[in-house]
């Protein structure tokens, strides 16, 4: 949360961003409760892993059906052992 990183008091931060202090305090309390829930072992929604793009270059002499098969094999191989970056 930007407030936590700002180092400002709640009153000053609320004024800076244009919200009432009570609104900011409510958001902060909700975030704290969510953190305690996660720490207690309850699952909360997590961000999915980032998308990884891979460029594949195929020989143009291959037929369309051959290219589809190669692409499918490549995707299957990547799924089984993702590259480390």
N, C-alpha and C. Protein backbone atom coordinates (compact mmCIF):
# COMPACT_ATOMS: atom_id res chain seq x y z
N UNK A 1 0.85 -1.17 0.00
CA UNK A 1 0.00 0.00 0.00
C UNK A 1 0.90 1.24 0.00
N UNK A 2 0.55 2.22 -0.79
CA UNK A 2 1.35 3.44 -0.90
C UNK A 2 1.48 4.15 0.44
N UNK A 3 0.42 4.12 1.23
CA UNK A 3 0.46 4.77 2.53
C UNK A 3 1.58 4.20 3.39
N UNK A 4 1.68 2.87 3.42
CA UNK A 4 2.70 2.23 4.25
C UNK A 4 4.11 2.60 3.80
N UNK A 5 4.30 2.75 2.50
CA UNK A 5 5.62 3.10 1.97
C UNK A 5 5.93 4.58 2.09
N UNK A 6 4.91 5.42 2.27
CA UNK A 6 5.11 6.87 2.26
C UNK A 6 5.87 7.39 3.47
N UNK A 7 5.66 6.75 4.62
CA UNK A 7 6.28 7.25 5.83
C UNK A 7 5.53 8.42 6.45
N UNK A 8 4.42 8.81 5.85
CA UNK A 8 3.61 9.92 6.37
C UNK A 8 2.63 9.41 7.40
N UNK A 9 2.14 10.34 8.21
CA UNK A 9 1.07 9.97 9.15
C UNK A 9 -0.19 9.72 8.33
N UNK A 10 -1.12 9.01 8.93
CA UNK A 10 -2.38 8.72 8.24
C UNK A 10 -3.13 9.98 7.85
N UNK A 11 -3.15 10.96 8.74
CA UNK A 11 -3.86 12.21 8.49
C UNK A 11 -3.23 12.96 7.32
N UNK A 12 -1.90 13.05 7.30
CA UNK A 12 -1.22 13.76 6.22
C UNK A 12 -1.38 13.03 4.89
N UNK A 13 -1.28 11.69 4.90
CA UNK A 13 -1.41 10.94 3.66
C UNK A 13 -2.83 11.06 3.11
N UNK A 14 -3.83 10.95 3.97
CA UNK A 14 -5.22 11.07 3.54
C UNK A 14 -5.46 12.43 2.88
N UNK A 15 -4.93 13.49 3.47
CA UNK A 15 -5.08 14.82 2.89
C UNK A 15 -4.36 14.92 1.55
N UNK A 16 -3.20 14.31 1.45
CA UNK A 16 -2.42 14.35 0.23
C UNK A 16 -3.15 13.69 -0.94
N UNK A 17 -3.79 12.54 -0.68
CA UNK A 17 -4.47 11.82 -1.76
C UNK A 17 -5.94 12.20 -1.90
N UNK A 18 -6.44 13.01 -1.00
CA UNK A 18 -7.80 13.53 -1.13
C UNK A 18 -8.89 12.59 -0.65
N UNK A 19 -8.62 11.82 0.40
CA UNK A 19 -9.65 10.98 1.01
C UNK A 19 -9.78 11.33 2.48
N UNK A 20 -10.90 10.97 3.07
CA UNK A 20 -11.07 11.20 4.50
C UNK A 20 -10.15 10.25 5.25
N UNK A 21 -9.70 10.69 6.40
CA UNK A 21 -8.83 9.85 7.23
C UNK A 21 -9.53 8.56 7.61
N UNK A 22 -10.83 8.64 7.92
CA UNK A 22 -11.56 7.43 8.32
C UNK A 22 -11.59 6.40 7.19
N UNK A 23 -11.66 6.86 5.94
CA UNK A 23 -11.63 5.95 4.79
C UNK A 23 -10.28 5.26 4.71
N UNK A 24 -9.22 6.05 4.83
CA UNK A 24 -7.87 5.49 4.79
C UNK A 24 -7.66 4.50 5.93
N UNK A 25 -8.13 4.84 7.11
CA UNK A 25 -7.98 3.94 8.27
C UNK A 25 -8.73 2.64 8.04
N UNK A 26 -9.90 2.71 7.42
CA UNK A 26 -10.67 1.50 7.12
C UNK A 26 -9.94 0.61 6.12
N UNK A 27 -9.37 1.23 5.09
CA UNK A 27 -8.59 0.46 4.10
C UNK A 27 -7.40 -0.22 4.76
N UNK A 28 -6.69 0.52 5.61
CA UNK A 28 -5.51 -0.02 6.27
C UNK A 28 -5.89 -1.18 7.20
N UNK A 29 -7.00 -1.05 7.93
CA UNK A 29 -7.45 -2.10 8.83
C UNK A 29 -7.83 -3.35 8.04
N UNK A 30 -8.51 -3.16 6.91
CA UNK A 30 -8.90 -4.29 6.07
C UNK A 30 -7.65 -5.00 5.54
N UNK A 31 -6.68 -4.24 5.10
CA UNK A 31 -5.44 -4.84 4.59
C UNK A 31 -4.72 -5.62 5.70
N UNK A 32 -4.72 -5.07 6.90
CA UNK A 32 -4.06 -5.74 8.02
C UNK A 32 -4.78 -7.06 8.34
N UNK A 33 -6.12 -7.04 8.33
CA UNK A 33 -6.88 -8.27 8.58
C UNK A 33 -6.59 -9.32 7.52
N UNK A 34 -6.48 -8.90 6.25
CA UNK A 34 -6.18 -9.84 5.18
C UNK A 34 -4.80 -10.46 5.39
N UNK A 35 -3.85 -9.67 5.83
CA UNK A 35 -2.52 -10.18 6.10
C UNK A 35 -2.52 -11.18 7.23
N UNK A 36 -3.31 -10.92 8.27
CA UNK A 36 -3.40 -11.85 9.40
C UNK A 36 -4.08 -13.14 8.97
N UNK A 37 -5.07 -13.05 8.09
CA UNK A 37 -5.75 -14.24 7.58
C UNK A 37 -4.77 -15.11 6.81
N UNK A 38 -3.94 -14.49 5.98
CA UNK A 38 -2.96 -15.24 5.20
C UNK A 38 -1.94 -15.88 6.12
N UNK A 39 -1.54 -15.17 7.16
CA UNK A 39 -0.56 -15.70 8.10
C UNK A 39 -1.13 -16.86 8.90
N UNK A 40 -2.43 -16.88 9.09
CA UNK A 40 -3.07 -17.95 9.85
C UNK A 40 -3.24 -19.21 9.01
N UNK A 41 -2.85 -19.16 7.75
CA UNK A 41 -2.91 -20.35 6.91
C UNK A 41 -4.14 -20.41 6.03
N UNK A 42 -4.99 -19.41 6.09
CA UNK A 42 -6.14 -19.38 5.21
C UNK A 42 -5.68 -18.92 3.84
N UNK A 43 -6.30 -19.49 2.82
CA UNK A 43 -5.87 -19.12 1.48
C UNK A 43 -6.54 -17.82 1.05
N UNK A 44 -5.76 -16.98 0.42
CA UNK A 44 -6.29 -15.77 -0.20
C UNK A 44 -5.88 -15.83 -1.66
N UNK A 45 -6.57 -15.10 -2.48
CA UNK A 45 -6.30 -15.13 -3.90
C UNK A 45 -4.92 -14.57 -4.17
N UNK A 46 -4.11 -15.33 -4.90
CA UNK A 46 -2.77 -14.90 -5.22
C UNK A 46 -2.68 -14.55 -6.69
N UNK A 47 -1.71 -13.71 -7.01
CA UNK A 47 -1.50 -13.33 -8.40
C UNK A 47 -1.03 -14.54 -9.20
N UNK A 48 -1.51 -14.68 -10.42
CA UNK A 48 -1.01 -15.77 -11.26
C UNK A 48 0.43 -15.49 -11.66
N UNK A 49 1.18 -16.52 -12.02
CA UNK A 49 2.56 -16.27 -12.44
C UNK A 49 2.58 -15.44 -13.72
N UNK A 50 3.66 -14.70 -13.96
CA UNK A 50 3.72 -13.87 -15.16
C UNK A 50 3.73 -14.72 -16.42
N UNK A 51 3.21 -14.15 -17.49
CA UNK A 51 3.17 -14.84 -18.78
C UNK A 51 4.58 -14.86 -19.36
N UNK A 52 4.96 -16.00 -19.91
CA UNK A 52 6.26 -16.12 -20.55
C UNK A 52 6.03 -16.37 -22.04
N UNK A 53 6.61 -15.54 -22.88
CA UNK A 53 6.47 -15.69 -24.32
C UNK A 53 7.72 -16.35 -24.88
N UNK A 54 7.51 -17.23 -25.86
CA UNK A 54 8.60 -17.92 -26.50
C UNK A 54 8.44 -17.77 -28.00
N UNK A 55 9.52 -17.38 -28.69
CA UNK A 55 9.47 -17.26 -30.14
C UNK A 55 9.88 -18.59 -30.75
N UNK A 56 9.08 -19.07 -31.69
CA UNK A 56 9.39 -20.32 -32.39
C UNK A 56 9.56 -20.00 -33.88
N UNK A 57 10.65 -20.46 -34.47
CA UNK A 57 10.91 -20.25 -35.89
C UNK A 57 10.89 -21.62 -36.56
N UNK A 58 10.02 -21.76 -37.56
CA UNK A 58 9.86 -23.03 -38.25
C UNK A 58 10.36 -22.91 -39.68
N UNK A 59 10.85 -24.01 -40.22
CA UNK A 59 11.30 -24.08 -41.60
C UNK A 59 10.09 -23.91 -42.52
N UNK A 60 10.16 -23.00 -43.47
CA UNK A 60 9.03 -22.74 -44.35
C UNK A 60 8.74 -23.90 -45.28
N UNK A 61 9.68 -24.82 -45.45
CA UNK A 61 9.46 -25.99 -46.30
C UNK A 61 8.48 -26.97 -45.66
N UNK A 62 8.26 -26.84 -44.38
CA UNK A 62 7.33 -27.72 -43.67
C UNK A 62 5.91 -27.44 -44.16
N UNK A 63 5.08 -28.47 -44.21
CA UNK A 63 3.67 -28.28 -44.56
C UNK A 63 2.95 -27.64 -43.39
N UNK A 64 1.78 -27.09 -43.64
CA UNK A 64 1.01 -26.46 -42.57
C UNK A 64 0.74 -27.45 -41.44
N UNK A 65 0.35 -28.68 -41.77
CA UNK A 65 0.04 -29.65 -40.73
C UNK A 65 1.31 -30.01 -39.94
N UNK A 66 2.46 -30.03 -40.62
CA UNK A 66 3.72 -30.30 -39.93
C UNK A 66 4.05 -29.19 -38.95
N UNK A 67 3.79 -27.95 -39.33
CA UNK A 67 4.06 -26.81 -38.46
C UNK A 67 3.18 -26.85 -37.22
N UNK A 68 1.94 -27.25 -37.41
CA UNK A 68 1.03 -27.34 -36.27
C UNK A 68 1.52 -28.41 -35.29
N UNK A 69 1.96 -29.52 -35.83
CA UNK A 69 2.49 -30.59 -34.98
C UNK A 69 3.72 -30.17 -34.21
N UNK A 70 4.63 -29.44 -34.90
CA UNK A 70 5.84 -28.95 -34.24
C UNK A 70 5.49 -27.94 -33.13
N UNK A 71 4.55 -27.06 -33.44
CA UNK A 71 4.15 -26.07 -32.44
C UNK A 71 3.53 -26.76 -31.23
N UNK A 72 2.71 -27.78 -31.47
CA UNK A 72 2.10 -28.51 -30.36
C UNK A 72 3.17 -29.22 -29.53
N UNK A 73 4.15 -29.81 -30.20
CA UNK A 73 5.23 -30.50 -29.48
C UNK A 73 6.05 -29.51 -28.65
N UNK A 74 6.30 -28.33 -29.22
CA UNK A 74 7.05 -27.30 -28.49
C UNK A 74 6.29 -26.86 -27.24
N UNK A 75 5.00 -26.59 -27.39
CA UNK A 75 4.21 -26.16 -26.24
C UNK A 75 4.15 -27.24 -25.17
N UNK A 76 4.03 -28.49 -25.59
CA UNK A 76 3.99 -29.58 -24.63
C UNK A 76 5.32 -29.70 -23.89
N UNK A 77 6.43 -29.56 -24.62
CA UNK A 77 7.75 -29.63 -23.99
C UNK A 77 7.95 -28.50 -22.99
N UNK A 78 7.48 -27.30 -23.35
CA UNK A 78 7.62 -26.15 -22.44
C UNK A 78 6.77 -26.33 -21.19
N UNK A 79 5.61 -26.94 -21.35
CA UNK A 79 4.74 -27.16 -20.19
C UNK A 79 5.37 -28.16 -19.23
N UNK A 80 6.06 -29.16 -19.76
CA UNK A 80 6.66 -30.19 -18.92
C UNK A 80 7.88 -29.67 -18.16
N UNK A 81 8.68 -28.83 -18.80
CA UNK A 81 9.85 -28.27 -18.11
C UNK A 81 10.05 -26.84 -18.57
N UNK A 82 9.41 -25.89 -17.86
CA UNK A 82 9.51 -24.47 -18.23
C UNK A 82 10.96 -23.99 -18.16
N UNK A 83 11.34 -23.12 -19.09
CA UNK A 83 12.71 -22.59 -19.07
C UNK A 83 12.92 -21.68 -17.86
N UNK A 84 14.12 -21.69 -17.34
CA UNK A 84 14.43 -20.78 -16.23
C UNK A 84 15.08 -19.54 -16.80
N UNK A 85 14.62 -18.41 -16.31
CA UNK A 85 15.15 -17.12 -16.82
C UNK A 85 15.99 -16.46 -15.77
